Amino acid sequence: MKIAFIGTHGVGKTTLCFELAALLKKRDKTVEMVREVARFCPLPINRDTTIAAQSWILHTEIAEELVAEHKAEVVVCDRSVLDNYCYLLQTGRLPVLEPLVRWWSSTYGLLIKVPIVGTLQFDGLRDVDDAFQRAVDEKIEEVLAEWSVPVLRLDAGRRPDWAADSLQAILPLLGPVQQPLFESEGGDPAS
């Protein structure tokens, strides 16, 4: 099962990934996280991004997800190829990459859209222009609608509960909980 948080930068996706991974591990799930690969891109990002930079990000994201899927039963991604692609769309469509992004977007078991809440904080890498942040968010919404991509939208007013809300949406997708085969004398599962 591969889950990705999508949304523009500075909305809390990374924090949410860690929170969700911890909740899944408490349920005895093996979890791998795919961190936001744009942070490691050696080429310009944000408003200065290029086709080369976004191609690097897109292909690196796919490679990281492939590796993670072979290590764990649940993969939590700090982004998806779809929202990474939307940064490139700020400079115009790239028809050669769009089929790959559309196809790869279908490999996620669940996409969870994180809304903009609060104000941008400088993190040493990401652009802090509110207009740029909103433009990327709007492009993500546009692509989701145009491609009819199913997505769970987190409620901006429930920020403290986002991880729990995400977990509740994921649990039914993971299948039934395995019950212990043996119980100890007191009725508790044997350790």
Protein backbone atom coordinates (compact mmCIF):
# COMPACT_ATOMS: atom_id res chain seq x y z
CA MET A 1 0.00 0.00 0.00
CA LYS A 2 1.42 3.36 -1.04
CA ILE A 3 -0.02 6.57 0.36
CA ALA A 4 1.01 10.07 -0.67
CA PHE A 5 0.30 13.42 0.89
CA ILE A 6 -0.17 16.01 -1.80
CA GLY A 7 -0.33 19.77 -1.69
CA THR A 8 1.80 22.81 -2.11
CA HIS A 9 4.91 23.49 -0.04
CA GLY A 10 4.76 24.66 3.56
CA VAL A 11 1.47 23.02 4.51
CA GLY A 12 2.81 20.38 6.91
CA LYS A 13 3.11 17.29 4.72
CA THR A 14 6.47 16.25 6.18
CA THR A 15 5.27 16.51 9.78
CA LEU A 16 2.13 14.64 8.84
CA CYS A 17 4.18 11.85 7.22
CA PHE A 18 6.11 11.30 10.45
CA GLU A 19 2.91 11.38 12.53
CA LEU A 20 1.15 8.88 10.27
CA ALA A 21 4.18 6.58 10.07
CA ALA A 22 4.32 6.49 13.88
CA LEU A 23 0.61 5.63 14.11
CA LEU A 24 1.00 2.84 11.55
CA LYS A 25 4.06 1.43 13.34
CA LYS A 26 2.03 1.34 16.58
CA ARG A 27 -0.32 -0.97 14.67
CA ASP A 28 2.62 -3.27 13.84
CA LYS A 29 2.83 -2.21 10.20
CA THR A 30 6.20 -2.03 8.49
CA VAL A 31 6.49 1.48 7.13
CA GLU A 32 8.91 3.24 4.80
CA MET A 33 8.81 6.97 4.18
CA VAL A 34 9.73 8.66 0.93
CA ARG A 35 10.95 12.13 1.82
CA GLU A 36 10.39 15.10 -0.46
CA VAL A 37 13.06 14.54 -3.11
CA ALA A 38 13.00 18.18 -4.27
CA ARG A 39 15.07 18.94 -1.15
CA PHE A 40 17.93 16.97 -2.68
CA CYS A 41 17.62 18.28 -6.24
CA PRO A 42 20.92 19.75 -7.46
CA LEU A 43 19.03 21.97 -9.93
CA PRO A 44 16.88 25.09 -9.40
CA ILE A 45 13.45 24.60 -7.82
CA ASN A 46 10.61 26.88 -6.67
CA ARG A 47 9.85 29.70 -9.12
CA ASP A 48 13.23 29.15 -10.81
CA THR A 49 12.53 25.52 -11.65
CA THR A 50 13.39 24.11 -15.03
CA ILE A 51 12.26 21.14 -17.09
CA ALA A 52 15.56 19.46 -16.20
CA ALA A 53 14.98 20.03 -12.46
CA GLN A 54 11.41 18.77 -12.53
CA SER A 55 12.41 15.77 -14.64
CA TRP A 56 15.09 14.95 -12.04
CA ILE A 57 12.51 15.28 -9.25
CA LEU A 58 9.90 13.20 -11.08
CA HIS A 59 12.23 10.33 -11.88
CA THR A 60 13.91 10.39 -8.48
CA GLU A 61 10.49 10.28 -6.79
CA ILE A 62 9.53 7.22 -8.81
CA ALA A 63 12.84 5.49 -8.05
CA GLU A 64 12.53 6.20 -4.31
CA GLU A 65 8.97 4.88 -4.25
CA LEU A 66 10.00 1.69 -6.06
CA VAL A 67 12.73 1.02 -3.51
CA ALA A 68 10.43 1.76 -0.55
CA GLU A 69 7.69 -0.54 -1.85
CA HIS A 70 10.05 -3.49 -1.65
CA LYS A 71 10.95 -2.75 1.97
CA ALA A 72 7.60 -2.29 3.69
CA GLU A 73 3.91 -3.09 3.58
CA VAL A 74 3.02 0.62 3.82
CA VAL A 75 4.87 3.41 2.04
CA VAL A 76 4.12 6.98 3.12
CA CYS A 77 5.22 9.59 0.57
CA ASP A 78 5.86 13.21 1.43
CA ARG A 79 4.66 14.11 -2.09
CA SER A 80 3.44 12.39 -5.20
CA VAL A 81 4.46 12.67 -8.82
CA LEU A 82 1.23 14.59 -9.43
CA ASP A 83 1.96 17.54 -7.17
CA ASN A 84 5.63 17.56 -8.19
CA TYR A 85 4.46 17.80 -11.80
CA CYS A 86 2.25 20.77 -10.90
CA TYR A 87 5.35 22.82 -10.09
CA LEU A 88 6.48 22.26 -13.68
CA LEU A 89 3.03 23.24 -14.94
CA GLN A 90 3.66 26.71 -13.56
CA THR A 91 5.96 27.12 -16.58
CA GLY A 92 3.69 25.30 -19.06
CA ARG A 93 2.63 21.77 -19.98
CA LEU A 94 5.15 19.15 -20.98
CA PRO A 95 3.27 16.57 -23.07
CA VAL A 96 6.12 14.05 -23.01
CA LEU A 97 5.97 13.69 -19.19
CA GLU A 98 2.21 13.88 -18.69
CA PRO A 99 1.41 10.23 -19.62
CA LEU A 100 4.02 9.00 -17.14
CA VAL A 101 2.66 11.24 -14.37
CA ARG A 102 -0.94 10.19 -15.07
CA TRP A 103 -0.03 6.50 -15.04
CA TRP A 104 2.17 6.72 -11.94
CA SER A 105 -0.53 8.69 -10.10
CA SER A 106 -2.73 5.61 -10.38
CA THR A 107 -0.19 3.53 -8.41
CA TYR A 108 -1.04 5.24 -5.10
CA GLY A 109 -3.51 3.43 -2.89
CA LEU A 110 -4.58 6.79 -1.50
CA LEU A 111 -3.77 10.43 -2.21
CA ILE A 112 -4.40 12.78 0.72
CA LYS A 113 -4.67 16.49 -0.09
CA VAL A 114 -3.27 18.77 2.60
CA PRO A 115 -4.80 22.28 2.54
CA ILE A 116 -3.02 25.56 3.09
CA VAL A 117 -3.26 26.61 6.73
CA GLY A 118 -1.31 29.35 8.47
CA THR A 119 1.50 31.32 6.91
CA LEU A 120 4.63 30.14 5.19
CA GLN A 121 7.76 29.82 7.29
CA PHE A 122 11.22 29.94 5.72
CA ASP A 123 12.77 26.48 5.94
CA GLY A 124 16.03 27.23 4.16
CA LEU A 125 14.80 25.90 0.81
CA ARG A 126 11.23 26.58 -0.15
CA ASP A 127 9.84 29.82 -1.58
CA VAL A 128 7.92 31.93 0.96
CA ASP A 129 5.81 33.89 -1.54
CA ASP A 130 2.15 33.30 -0.60
CA ALA A 131 1.00 33.98 -4.18
CA PHE A 132 3.34 31.27 -5.53
CA GLN A 133 2.17 28.84 -2.86
CA ARG A 134 -1.49 29.50 -3.74
CA ALA A 135 -0.78 29.23 -7.49
CA VAL A 136 0.74 25.77 -7.04
CA ASP A 137 -2.17 24.71 -4.82
CA GLU A 138 -4.65 25.91 -7.45
CA LYS A 139 -2.74 24.01 -10.17
CA ILE A 140 -2.91 20.83 -8.08
CA GLU A 141 -6.68 21.26 -7.69
CA GLU A 142 -7.02 21.90 -11.42
CA VAL A 143 -5.09 18.73 -12.33
CA LEU A 144 -7.01 16.61 -9.80
CA ALA A 145 -10.28 17.74 -11.37
CA GLU A 146 -9.09 17.48 -14.99
CA TRP A 147 -7.70 13.96 -14.52
CA SER A 148 -10.55 12.85 -12.20
CA VAL A 149 -8.08 11.68 -9.58
CA PRO A 150 -9.71 10.38 -6.37
CA VAL A 151 -8.37 12.17 -3.33
CA LEU A 152 -9.10 12.46 0.39
CA ARG A 153 -9.18 16.14 1.35
CA LEU A 154 -8.15 16.98 4.89
CA ASP A 155 -10.28 19.53 6.71
CA ALA A 156 -8.29 22.73 7.38
CA GLY A 157 -10.12 23.18 10.68
CA ARG A 158 -9.00 19.77 11.97
CA ARG A 159 -5.22 20.24 11.75
CA PRO A 160 -4.54 18.58 15.15
CA ASP A 161 -6.46 15.50 13.92
CA TRP A 162 -5.01 15.16 10.41
CA ALA A 163 -2.83 12.15 11.23
CA ALA A 164 -5.71 10.33 12.95
CA ASP A 165 -8.09 11.24 10.10
CA SER A 166 -5.56 9.91 7.58
CA LEU A 167 -5.10 6.71 9.57
CA GLN A 168 -8.86 6.12 9.68
CA ALA A 169 -9.02 6.45 5.88
CA ILE A 170 -6.09 4.07 5.39
CA LEU A 171 -7.04 1.27 7.79
CA PRO A 172 -9.88 -0.17 5.66
CA LEU A 173 -7.48 -0.31 2.70
CA LEU A 174 -5.00 -2.42 4.66
CA GLY A 175 -7.41 -5.31 5.13
CA PRO A 176 -8.52 -7.12 8.27
CA VAL A 177 -6.41 -7.06 11.41
CA GLN A 178 -4.64 -10.37 12.09
CA GLN A 179 -5.82 -11.76 15.42
CA PRO A 180 -3.34 -13.64 17.64
CA LEU A 181 -3.42 -17.42 17.13
CA PHE A 182 -2.91 -18.22 20.80
CA GLU A 183 -4.01 -16.60 24.01
CA SER A 184 -2.32 -16.81 27.40
CA GLU A 185 -4.10 -18.08 30.54
CA GLY A 186 -5.59 -14.68 31.40
CA GLY A 187 -7.18 -14.36 27.97
CA ASP A 188 -4.44 -11.96 26.82
CA PRO A 189 -2.60 -12.73 23.59
CA ALA A 190 0.54 -14.77 24.20
CA SER A 191 3.71 -12.81 23.85
